[in-house]
C-alpha atoms as a PDB file:
ATOM      1  CA  MET A   1      16.534 -24.247  66.331  1.00  0.00           C
ATOM      2  CA  ILE A   2      14.001 -23.813  63.520  1.00  0.00           C
ATOM      3  CA  GLU A   3      15.261 -21.033  61.236  1.00  0.00           C
ATOM      4  CA  ILE A   4      13.087 -18.607  59.285  1.00  0.00           C
ATOM      5  CA  GLY A   5      14.191 -18.297  55.655  1.00  0.00           C
ATOM      6  CA  LYS A   6      16.129 -21.581  55.560  1.00  0.00           C
ATOM      7  CA  ILE A   7      15.739 -25.005  53.988  1.00  0.00           C
ATOM      8  CA  GLN A   8      16.028 -27.599  56.770  1.00  0.00           C
ATOM      9  CA  GLU A   9      15.157 -31.173  57.686  1.00  0.00           C
ATOM     10  CA  LEU A  10      12.442 -31.458  60.325  1.00  0.00           C
ATOM     11  CA  GLU A  11      10.541 -34.376  61.838  1.00  0.00           C
ATOM     12  CA  ILE A  12       6.775 -34.828  61.902  1.00  0.00           C
ATOM     13  CA  GLY A  13       5.965 -34.456  65.601  1.00  0.00           C
ATOM     14  CA  ARG A  14       2.178 -34.568  65.559  1.00  0.00           C
ATOM     15  CA  THR A  15      -0.707 -34.417  63.115  1.00  0.00           C
ATOM     16  CA  VAL A  16      -3.736 -32.143  63.170  1.00  0.00           C
ATOM     17  CA  GLU A  17      -6.794 -31.818  60.938  1.00  0.00           C
ATOM     18  CA  PHE A  18      -5.226 -29.015  58.880  1.00  0.00           C
ATOM     19  CA  GLY A  19      -1.700 -30.432  58.568  1.00  0.00           C
ATOM     20  CA  CYS A  20       1.226 -31.484  60.719  1.00  0.00           C
ATOM     21  CA  TYR A  21       3.515 -29.877  63.223  1.00  0.00           C
ATOM     22  CA  LEU A  22       7.183 -30.399  62.462  1.00  0.00           C
ATOM     23  CA  THR A  23       9.846 -30.317  65.137  1.00  0.00           C
ATOM     24  CA  ASP A  24      13.598 -30.064  65.510  1.00  0.00           C
ATOM     25  CA  GLY A  25      13.428 -31.403  69.061  1.00  0.00           C
ATOM     26  CA  GLU A  26      13.047 -27.944  70.586  1.00  0.00           C
ATOM     27  CA  GLY A  27      10.406 -25.956  68.738  1.00  0.00           C
ATOM     28  CA  GLU A  28       7.718 -26.755  66.199  1.00  0.00           C
ATOM     29  CA  VAL A  29       6.216 -25.232  63.059  1.00  0.00           C
ATOM     30  CA  LEU A  30       3.057 -25.976  61.088  1.00  0.00           C
ATOM     31  CA  ILE A  31       3.161 -27.488  57.609  1.00  0.00           C
ATOM     32  CA  PRO A  32      -0.315 -27.110  56.020  1.00  0.00           C
ATOM     33  CA  ALA A  33      -1.950 -30.321  54.815  1.00  0.00           C
ATOM     34  CA  LYS A  34      -1.576 -29.447  51.117  1.00  0.00           C
ATOM     35  CA  TYR A  35       2.219 -29.560  51.476  1.00  0.00           C
ATOM     36  CA  VAL A  36       2.412 -32.887  53.334  1.00  0.00           C
ATOM     37  CA  PRO A  37       3.468 -35.720  50.976  1.00  0.00           C
ATOM     38  CA  ASP A  38       1.265 -38.808  50.867  1.00  0.00           C
ATOM     39  CA  ASN A  39       1.966 -41.707  53.245  1.00  0.00           C
ATOM     40  CA  LYS A  40       3.975 -39.585  55.702  1.00  0.00           C
ATOM     41  CA  GLU A  41       3.583 -40.404  59.393  1.00  0.00           C
ATOM     42  CA  VAL A  42       4.706 -39.150  62.784  1.00  0.00           C
ATOM     43  CA  GLY A  43       8.467 -39.690  63.057  1.00  0.00           C
ATOM     44  CA  ASP A  44       9.135 -39.255  59.340  1.00  0.00           C
ATOM     45  CA  LYS A  45      11.467 -36.454  58.282  1.00  0.00           C
ATOM     46  CA  LEU A  46      10.837 -33.834  55.606  1.00  0.00           C
ATOM     47  CA  ASP A  47      13.021 -31.322  53.796  1.00  0.00           C
ATOM     48  CA  VAL A  48      11.124 -28.046  54.069  1.00  0.00           C
ATOM     49  CA  PHE A  49      11.510 -24.310  53.682  1.00  0.00           C
ATOM     50  CA  VAL A  50      10.316 -22.217  56.630  1.00  0.00           C
ATOM     51  CA  TYR A  51       9.059 -18.668  56.145  1.00  0.00           C
ATOM     52  CA  THR A  52       6.281 -16.405  57.411  1.00  0.00           C
ATOM     53  CA  ASP A  53       2.791 -16.262  55.901  1.00  0.00           C
ATOM     54  CA  HIS A  54       0.694 -13.122  55.244  1.00  0.00           C
ATOM     55  CA  LYS A  55      -0.115 -12.961  58.994  1.00  0.00           C
ATOM     56  CA  SER A  56       3.602 -13.182  59.906  1.00  0.00           C
ATOM     57  CA  ARG A  57       3.178 -16.727  61.255  1.00  0.00           C
ATOM     58  CA  PRO A  58       6.001 -19.221  60.594  1.00  0.00           C
ATOM     59  CA  ILE A  59       4.968 -22.034  58.269  1.00  0.00           C
ATOM     60  CA  ALA A  60       6.837 -24.849  56.527  1.00  0.00           C
ATOM     61  CA  VAL A  61       6.393 -25.815  52.875  1.00  0.00           C
ATOM     62  CA  THR A  62       7.863 -28.536  50.696  1.00  0.00           C
ATOM     63  CA  ILE A  63       8.091 -26.123  47.746  1.00  0.00           C
ATOM     64  CA  MET A  64      11.701 -25.034  47.439  1.00  0.00           C
ATOM     65  CA  PRO A  65      12.411 -21.320  46.868  1.00  0.00           C
ATOM     66  CA  ILE A  66      14.749 -19.871  44.278  1.00  0.00           C
ATOM     67  CA  GLY A  67      16.825 -18.432  47.117  1.00  0.00           C
ATOM     68  CA  GLN A  68      17.030 -18.736  50.886  1.00  0.00           C
ATOM     69  CA  LEU A  69      18.426 -16.516  53.655  1.00  0.00           C
ATOM     70  CA  ASP A  70      21.896 -15.070  52.831  1.00  0.00           C
ATOM     71  CA  ASP A  71      21.704 -16.108  49.155  1.00  0.00           C
ATOM     72  CA  ILE A  72      22.099 -13.614  46.322  1.00  0.00           C
ATOM     73  CA  VAL A  73      19.856 -14.654  43.426  1.00  0.00           C
ATOM     74  CA  GLY A  74      18.166 -13.128  40.407  1.00  0.00           C
ATOM     75  CA  LEU A  75      14.413 -12.642  40.821  1.00  0.00           C
ATOM     76  CA  GLU A  76      11.670 -11.180  38.624  1.00  0.00           C
ATOM     77  CA  VAL A  77       9.463  -8.323  39.832  1.00  0.00           C
ATOM     78  CA  LYS A  78       5.771  -9.243  39.858  1.00  0.00           C
ATOM     79  CA  ALA A  79       4.408  -5.957  41.214  1.00  0.00           C
ATOM     80  CA  VAL A  80       5.606  -2.495  42.244  1.00  0.00           C
ATOM     81  CA  THR A  81       3.845  -0.420  44.920  1.00  0.00           C
ATOM     82  CA  ASP A  82       4.401   2.943  46.591  1.00  0.00           C
ATOM     83  CA  PHE A  83       6.281   1.250  49.440  1.00  0.00           C
ATOM     84  CA  GLY A  84       8.304  -1.406  47.611  1.00  0.00           C
ATOM     85  CA  ALA A  85       8.280  -4.270  45.132  1.00  0.00           C
ATOM     86  CA  PHE A  86       7.183  -7.894  45.254  1.00  0.00           C
ATOM     87  CA  LEU A  87       9.455 -10.450  43.592  1.00  0.00           C
ATOM     88  CA  ASP A  88       8.834 -14.064  42.576  1.00  0.00           C
ATOM     89  CA  ASN A  89      10.902 -16.364  44.789  1.00  0.00           C
ATOM     90  CA  GLY A  90       9.100 -19.505  43.622  1.00  0.00           C
ATOM     91  CA  LEU A  91       6.661 -19.528  46.555  1.00  0.00           C
ATOM     92  CA  GLU A  92       2.982 -18.627  46.967  1.00  0.00           C
ATOM     93  CA  LYS A  93       3.985 -15.547  48.958  1.00  0.00           C
ATOM     94  CA  ASP A  94       6.229 -13.142  47.018  1.00  0.00           C
ATOM     95  CA  LEU A  95       9.430 -11.693  48.442  1.00  0.00           C
ATOM     96  CA  PHE A  96       9.112  -8.063  49.508  1.00  0.00           C
ATOM     97  CA  VAL A  97      11.839  -5.515  48.727  1.00  0.00           C
ATOM     98  CA  PRO A  98      11.215  -2.213  50.572  1.00  0.00           C
ATOM     99  CA  ASN A  99      12.033   1.023  48.749  1.00  0.00           C
ATOM    100  CA  LYS A 100      14.870   1.710  51.189  1.00  0.00           C
ATOM    101  CA  GLU A 101      16.513  -1.590  50.170  1.00  0.00           C
ATOM    102  CA  MET A 102      16.546  -0.800  46.430  1.00  0.00           C
ATOM    103  CA  ALA A 103      19.812   0.230  44.802  1.00  0.00           C
ATOM    104  CA  ALA A 104      17.681   1.659  41.968  1.00  0.00           C
ATOM    105  CA  GLN A 105      13.950   1.788  41.344  1.00  0.00           C
ATOM    106  CA  MET A 106      12.650  -1.609  40.270  1.00  0.00           C
ATOM    107  CA  LYS A 107      10.287  -2.093  37.347  1.00  0.00           C
ATOM    108  CA  GLU A 108       7.538  -4.675  36.961  1.00  0.00           C
ATOM    109  CA  GLY A 109       8.719  -7.539  34.759  1.00  0.00           C
ATOM    110  CA  GLY A 110      12.387  -6.716  35.304  1.00  0.00           C
ATOM    111  CA  SER A 111      14.841  -9.115  36.936  1.00  0.00           C
ATOM    112  CA  TYR A 112      17.366  -8.047  39.573  1.00  0.00           C
ATOM    113  CA  ALA A 113      20.133  -9.499  41.711  1.00  0.00           C
ATOM    114  CA  VAL A 114      18.786  -9.551  45.270  1.00  0.00           C
ATOM    115  CA  LYS A 115      20.293 -10.475  48.638  1.00  0.00           C
ATOM    116  CA  MET A 116      18.005 -12.401  51.006  1.00  0.00           C
ATOM    117  CA  VAL A 117      18.197 -10.745  54.433  1.00  0.00           C
ATOM    118  CA  MET A 118      16.275 -10.915  57.699  1.00  0.00           C
ATOM    119  CA  ASP A 119      14.146  -7.980  58.823  1.00  0.00           C
ATOM    120  CA  HIS A 120      14.550  -8.369  62.568  1.00  0.00           C
ATOM    121  CA  LYS A 121      11.723  -5.930  63.317  1.00  0.00           C
ATOM    122  CA  THR A 122       9.157  -8.177  61.638  1.00  0.00           C
ATOM    123  CA  ASN A 123      11.089 -11.488  61.843  1.00  0.00           C
ATOM    124  CA  ARG A 124      10.548 -12.101  58.137  1.00  0.00           C
ATOM    125  CA  MET A 125      12.852 -12.517  55.172  1.00  0.00           C
ATOM    126  CA  ILE A 126      13.012  -9.598  52.755  1.00  0.00           C
ATOM    127  CA  GLY A 127      15.148  -8.740  49.733  1.00  0.00           C
ATOM    128  CA  SER A 128      17.770  -6.065  49.153  1.00  0.00           C
ATOM    129  CA  SER A 129      19.336  -5.045  45.852  1.00  0.00           C
ATOM    130  CA  LYS A 130      21.991  -3.038  47.737  1.00  0.00           C
ATOM    131  CA  ILE A 131      24.364  -5.985  47.565  1.00  0.00           C
ATOM    132  CA  ALA A 132      27.799  -4.438  46.975  1.00  0.00           C
ATOM    133  CA  ALA A 133      28.494  -4.166  50.716  1.00  0.00           C
ATOM    134  CA  PHE A 134      27.800  -7.885  51.203  1.00  0.00           C
ATOM    135  CA  LEU A 135      30.465  -9.064  48.725  1.00  0.00           C
ATOM    136  CA  ARG A 136      33.797 -10.414  49.893  1.00  0.00           C
ATOM    137  CA  LYS A 137      37.002  -8.652  48.893  1.00  0.00           C
ATOM    138  CA  ASP A 138      39.231 -11.738  49.151  1.00  0.00           C
ATOM    139  CA  VAL A 139      38.961 -14.482  46.534  1.00  0.00           C
ATOM    140  CA  GLU A 140      40.642 -17.304  48.420  1.00  0.00           C
ATOM    141  CA  GLY A 141      37.664 -19.586  47.870  1.00  0.00           C
ATOM    142  CA  LEU A 142      37.948 -19.469  44.070  1.00  0.00           C
ATOM    143  CA  ALA A 143      40.246 -21.306  41.667  1.00  0.00           C
ATOM    144  CA  GLU A 144      40.600 -21.249  37.905  1.00  0.00           C
ATOM    145  CA  GLY A 145      38.378 -23.846  36.263  1.00  0.00           C
ATOM    146  CA  ASP A 146      35.834 -23.965  39.104  1.00  0.00           C
ATOM    147  CA  GLU A 147      32.200 -24.384  38.112  1.00  0.00           C
ATOM    148  CA  VAL A 148      30.193 -21.727  39.981  1.00  0.00           C
ATOM    149  CA  ARG A 149      26.704 -20.294  40.379  1.00  0.00           C
ATOM    150  CA  ILE A 150      26.399 -16.781  38.988  1.00  0.00           C
ATOM    151  CA  VAL A 151      23.803 -14.038  38.892  1.00  0.00           C
ATOM    152  CA  VAL A 152      24.082 -11.460  36.110  1.00  0.00           C
ATOM    153  CA  TRP A 153      24.244  -8.208  38.080  1.00  0.00           C
ATOM    154  CA  GLN A 154      25.212  -5.086  36.094  1.00  0.00           C
ATOM    155  CA  GLN A 155      26.152  -4.187  32.524  1.00  0.00           C
ATOM    156  CA  THR A 156      29.339  -2.198  31.887  1.00  0.00           C
ATOM    157  CA  ASP A 157      31.301  -1.072  28.837  1.00  0.00           C
ATOM    158  CA  LEU A 158      33.537  -4.143  29.209  1.00  0.00           C
ATOM    159  CA  GLY A 159      30.795  -6.699  29.738  1.00  0.00           C
ATOM    160  CA  TYR A 160      28.614  -7.929  32.592  1.00  0.00           C
ATOM    161  CA  LYS A 161      29.377  -7.902  36.307  1.00  0.00           C
ATOM    162  CA  VAL A 162      28.212 -11.099  37.966  1.00  0.00           C
ATOM    163  CA  ILE A 163      27.819 -12.339  41.524  1.00  0.00           C
ATOM    164  CA  ILE A 164      29.675 -15.617  42.121  1.00  0.00           C
ATOM    165  CA  ASN A 165      28.287 -18.143  44.632  1.00  0.00           C
ATOM    166  CA  SER A 166      26.473 -15.321  46.483  1.00  0.00           C
ATOM    167  CA  GLU A 167      29.850 -14.036  47.733  1.00  0.00           C
ATOM    168  CA  TYR A 168      32.180 -12.617  45.092  1.00  0.00           C
ATOM    169  CA  GLN A 169      32.121 -10.214  42.164  1.00  0.00           C
ATOM    170  CA  GLY A 170      33.294 -11.257  38.713  1.00  0.00           C
ATOM    171  CA  LEU A 171      33.184 -10.045  35.118  1.00  0.00           C
ATOM    172  CA  ILE A 172      32.234 -11.680  31.823  1.00  0.00           C
ATOM    173  CA  TYR A 173      33.767  -9.780  28.902  1.00  0.00           C
ATOM    174  CA  ASN A 174      31.574  -8.808  25.954  1.00  0.00           C
ATOM    175  CA  ASN A 175      33.865 -10.487  23.413  1.00  0.00           C
ATOM    176  CA  GLU A 176      33.495 -13.828  25.247  1.00  0.00           C
ATOM    177  CA  ILE A 177      29.690 -13.897  25.222  1.00  0.00           C
ATOM    178  CA  PHE A 178      28.277 -16.065  22.431  1.00  0.00           C
ATOM    179  CA  GLU A 179      24.714 -16.482  23.647  1.00  0.00           C
ATOM    180  CA  ARG A 180      21.854 -14.386  24.943  1.00  0.00           C
ATOM    181  CA  ILE A 181      22.428 -13.051  28.459  1.00  0.00           C
ATOM    182  CA  ARG A 182      20.185 -10.825  30.568  1.00  0.00           C
ATOM    183  CA  LEU A 183      20.324  -8.953  33.857  1.00  0.00           C
ATOM    184  CA  GLY A 184      19.007 -10.862  36.862  1.00  0.00           C
ATOM    185  CA  GLU A 185      19.626 -14.237  35.238  1.00  0.00           C
ATOM    186  CA  ASN A 186      20.686 -17.187  37.388  1.00  0.00           C
ATOM    187  CA  ARG A 187      23.023 -19.526  35.565  1.00  0.00           C
ATOM    188  CA  LYS A 188      26.165 -21.632  35.648  1.00  0.00           C
ATOM    189  CA  GLY A 189      29.600 -20.150  34.998  1.00  0.00           C
ATOM    190  CA  PHE A 190      33.281 -21.060  35.140  1.00  0.00           C
ATOM    191  CA  ILE A 191      36.201 -19.234  36.730  1.00  0.00           C
ATOM    192  CA  LYS A 192      38.519 -18.272  33.894  1.00  0.00           C
ATOM    193  CA  LYS A 193      41.139 -16.276  35.793  1.00  0.00           C
ATOM    194  CA  VAL A 194      41.728 -15.044  39.343  1.00  0.00           C
ATOM    195  CA  ARG A 195      43.883 -11.936  39.085  1.00  0.00           C
ATOM    196  CA  GLU A 196      46.495 -10.763  41.586  1.00  0.00           C
ATOM    197  CA  ASP A 197      44.451  -7.613  42.276  1.00  0.00           C
ATOM    198  CA  GLY A 198      41.488  -9.755  43.366  1.00  0.00           C
ATOM    199  CA  LYS A 199      39.447  -9.309  40.201  1.00  0.00           C
ATOM    200  CA  VAL A 200      37.859 -12.440  38.738  1.00  0.00           C
ATOM    201  CA  ASP A 201      37.247 -13.227  35.061  1.00  0.00           C
ATOM    202  CA  VAL A 202      34.257 -15.493  34.468  1.00  0.00           C
ATOM    203  CA  ALA A 203      33.267 -17.481  31.375  1.00  0.00           C
ATOM    204  CA  LEU A 204      29.937 -19.017  30.415  1.00  0.00           C
ATOM    205  CA  GLN A 205      31.684 -22.022  28.860  1.00  0.00           C
ATOM    206  CA  LYS A 206      34.137 -24.554  30.226  1.00  0.00           C
ATOM    207  CA  GLN A 207      37.778 -23.797  29.573  1.00  0.00           C
ATOM    208  CA  GLY A 208      40.640 -25.905  28.171  1.00  0.00           C
ATOM    209  CA  TYR A 209      40.259 -29.500  27.022  1.00  0.00           C
ATOM    210  CA  GLU A 210      36.761 -29.899  28.496  1.00  0.00           C
ATOM    211  CA  ALA A 211      35.592 -26.879  26.499  1.00  0.00           C
ATOM    212  CA  VAL A 212      36.920 -28.367  23.260  1.00  0.00           C
ATOM    213  CA  SER A 213      35.207 -31.655  24.030  1.00  0.00           C
ATOM    214  CA  ASP A 214      31.900 -29.915  24.804  1.00  0.00           C
ATOM    215  CA  MET A 215      31.999 -27.772  21.651  1.00  0.00           C
ATOM    216  CA  SER A 216      32.852 -30.794  19.488  1.00  0.00           C
ATOM    217  CA  SER A 217      29.806 -32.558  20.915  1.00  0.00           C
ATOM    218  CA  ILE A 218      27.616 -29.552  20.098  1.00  0.00           C
ATOM    219  CA  ILE A 219      28.704 -29.545  16.442  1.00  0.00           C
ATOM    220  CA  MET A 220      28.322 -33.299  16.025  1.00  0.00           C
ATOM    221  CA  ARG A 221      24.902 -33.263  17.680  1.00  0.00           C
ATOM    222  CA  LYS A 222      23.654 -30.499  15.401  1.00  0.00           C
ATOM    223  CA  LEU A 223      25.063 -32.346  12.396  1.00  0.00           C
ATOM    224  CA  SER A 224      23.224 -35.482  13.411  1.00  0.00           C
ATOM    225  CA  GLU A 225      19.961 -33.582  13.961  1.00  0.00           C
ATOM    226  CA  ALA A 226      20.314 -32.028  10.483  1.00  0.00           C
ATOM    227  CA  GLY A 227      20.716 -35.413   8.807  1.00  0.00           C
ATOM    228  CA  GLY A 228      24.518 -35.229   8.505  1.00  0.00           C
ATOM    229  CA  VAL A 229      24.792 -31.945   6.562  1.00  0.00           C
ATOM    230  CA  LEU A 230      24.905 -28.361   7.882  1.00  0.00           C
ATOM    231  CA  GLU A 231      24.943 -25.245   5.726  1.00  0.00           C
ATOM    232  CA  MET A 232      27.706 -23.732   7.824  1.00  0.00           C
ATOM    233  CA  GLY A 233      31.373 -23.964   6.947  1.00  0.00           C
ATOM    234  CA  ASP A 234      34.878 -22.541   6.947  1.00  0.00           C
ATOM    235  CA  LYS A 235      33.845 -19.180   5.442  1.00  0.00           C
ATOM    236  CA  SER A 236      30.576 -18.673   7.288  1.00  0.00           C
ATOM    237  CA  SER A 237      30.226 -15.336   9.086  1.00  0.00           C
ATOM    238  CA  PRO A 238      31.122 -14.975  12.776  1.00  0.00           C
ATOM    239  CA  GLU A 239      27.561 -13.772  13.442  1.00  0.00           C
ATOM    240  CA  ASP A 240      25.986 -16.895  11.913  1.00  0.00           C
ATOM    241  CA  ILE A 241      28.390 -19.182  13.783  1.00  0.00           C
ATOM    242  CA  LYS A 242      27.664 -17.413  17.070  1.00  0.00           C
ATOM    243  CA  GLU A 243      23.907 -17.709  16.550  1.00  0.00           C
ATOM    244  CA  VAL A 244      23.922 -21.395  15.559  1.00  0.00           C
ATOM    245  CA  PHE A 245      26.675 -22.805  17.767  1.00  0.00           C
ATOM    246  CA  GLY A 246      27.139 -20.233  20.544  1.00  0.00           C
ATOM    247  CA  MET A 247      30.893 -19.948  19.962  1.00  0.00           C
ATOM    248  CA  SER A 248      33.410 -17.669  18.256  1.00  0.00           C
ATOM    249  CA  LYS A 249      34.508 -18.278  14.657  1.00  0.00           C
ATOM    250  CA  LYS A 250      38.056 -18.882  15.946  1.00  0.00           C
ATOM    251  CA  ASN A 251      36.897 -21.701  18.205  1.00  0.00           C
ATOM    252  CA  PHE A 252      34.548 -23.025  15.527  1.00  0.00           C
ATOM    253  CA  LYS A 253      37.387 -23.405  13.018  1.00  0.00           C
ATOM    254  CA  LYS A 254      39.630 -24.967  15.656  1.00  0.00           C
ATOM    255  CA  ILE A 255      36.954 -27.548  16.513  1.00  0.00           C
ATOM    256  CA  LEU A 256      36.281 -28.260  12.831  1.00  0.00           C
ATOM    257  CA  GLY A 257      39.996 -28.876  12.299  1.00  0.00           C
ATOM    258  CA  GLY A 258      40.062 -31.418  15.114  1.00  0.00           C
ATOM    259  CA  LEU A 259      36.961 -33.223  13.860  1.00  0.00           C
ATOM    260  CA  TYR A 260      38.389 -33.279  10.313  1.00  0.00           C
ATOM    261  CA  LYS A 261      41.684 -34.786  11.496  1.00  0.00           C
ATOM    262  CA  ALA A 262      39.720 -37.389  13.455  1.00  0.00           C
ATOM    263  CA  GLY A 263      37.936 -38.346  10.229  1.00  0.00           C
ATOM    264  CA  GLN A 264      34.504 -37.385  11.525  1.00  0.00           C
ATOM    265  CA  ILE A 265      33.599 -34.605   9.084  1.00  0.00           C
ATOM    266  CA  GLU A 266      34.278 -33.064   5.675  1.00  0.00           C
ATOM    267  CA  ILE A 267      34.698 -29.270   5.532  1.00  0.00           C
ATOM    268  CA  PHE A 268      33.610 -26.946   2.711  1.00  0.00           C
ATOM    269  CA  ASP A 269      33.392 -23.157   2.449  1.00  0.00           C
ATOM    270  CA  TYR A 270      29.751 -22.993   3.539  1.00  0.00           C
ATOM    271  CA  GLN A 271      28.979 -26.561   4.503  1.00  0.00           C
ATOM    272  CA  ILE A 272      30.136 -29.405   6.742  1.00  0.00           C
ATOM    273  CA  LYS A 273      29.242 -33.064   6.248  1.00  0.00           C
ATOM    274  CA  GLN A 274      29.346 -35.928   8.678  1.00  0.00           C
ATOM    275  CA  LYS A 275      31.403 -38.968   7.633  1.00  0.00           C
ATOM    276  CA  GLY A 276      30.426 -42.544   8.098  1.00  0.00           C
END
């Protein structure tokens, strides 16, 4: 069955002057000629996204959206009207969020976490920012150290609530954020801790040995780019370290100590030098 709002593999069933009709063996859907890759013939298969055009007709495109049906993603508002907002989902046709599906009034240029849902009255995919009810209470599918997809959802006194893999709620604490972060942002995260009460702590950086390895690489790369000398050392301010390296001063000094013991750098109060 061809599904509206989903990425799927379909076969070219027949060609017409204005494109091709793709089939799953039961139904068919038009892919306009401008989306058909060169040298494709009847019988070839294409990965496409199927949605409805401005006349509510199903069409297939080879452009992949930011999110598909049932996903929760961060999208930017392109326009606000009296009856709803239009968000950029990466396609020619914007995603519509009706006023009744807004958790709070959206603003043009703002980015929001949005759930992709089906409007069964019109048979088209729409967005909803009322996503709390869609989130799972159990966290059985998560484990510490997992790399996950997150959407920055809400800001709190403690930090930022995020949506994990379109299913769970997590939190990134303010004191563990060492880079710019904004609401509605789609990015990669890591599960730091799954608590007994079901709450999930999320980090923007890898944890444990892999984190140390990654941060060491960052410092050595920046040293190399600067010609082997950086005006940043043991007594540099936490703010400067955070801005340049995206890490806390505690971690910075720990990484410097490891690189010094390995004979890779020399450390001074306000400078580090690459050896060799």
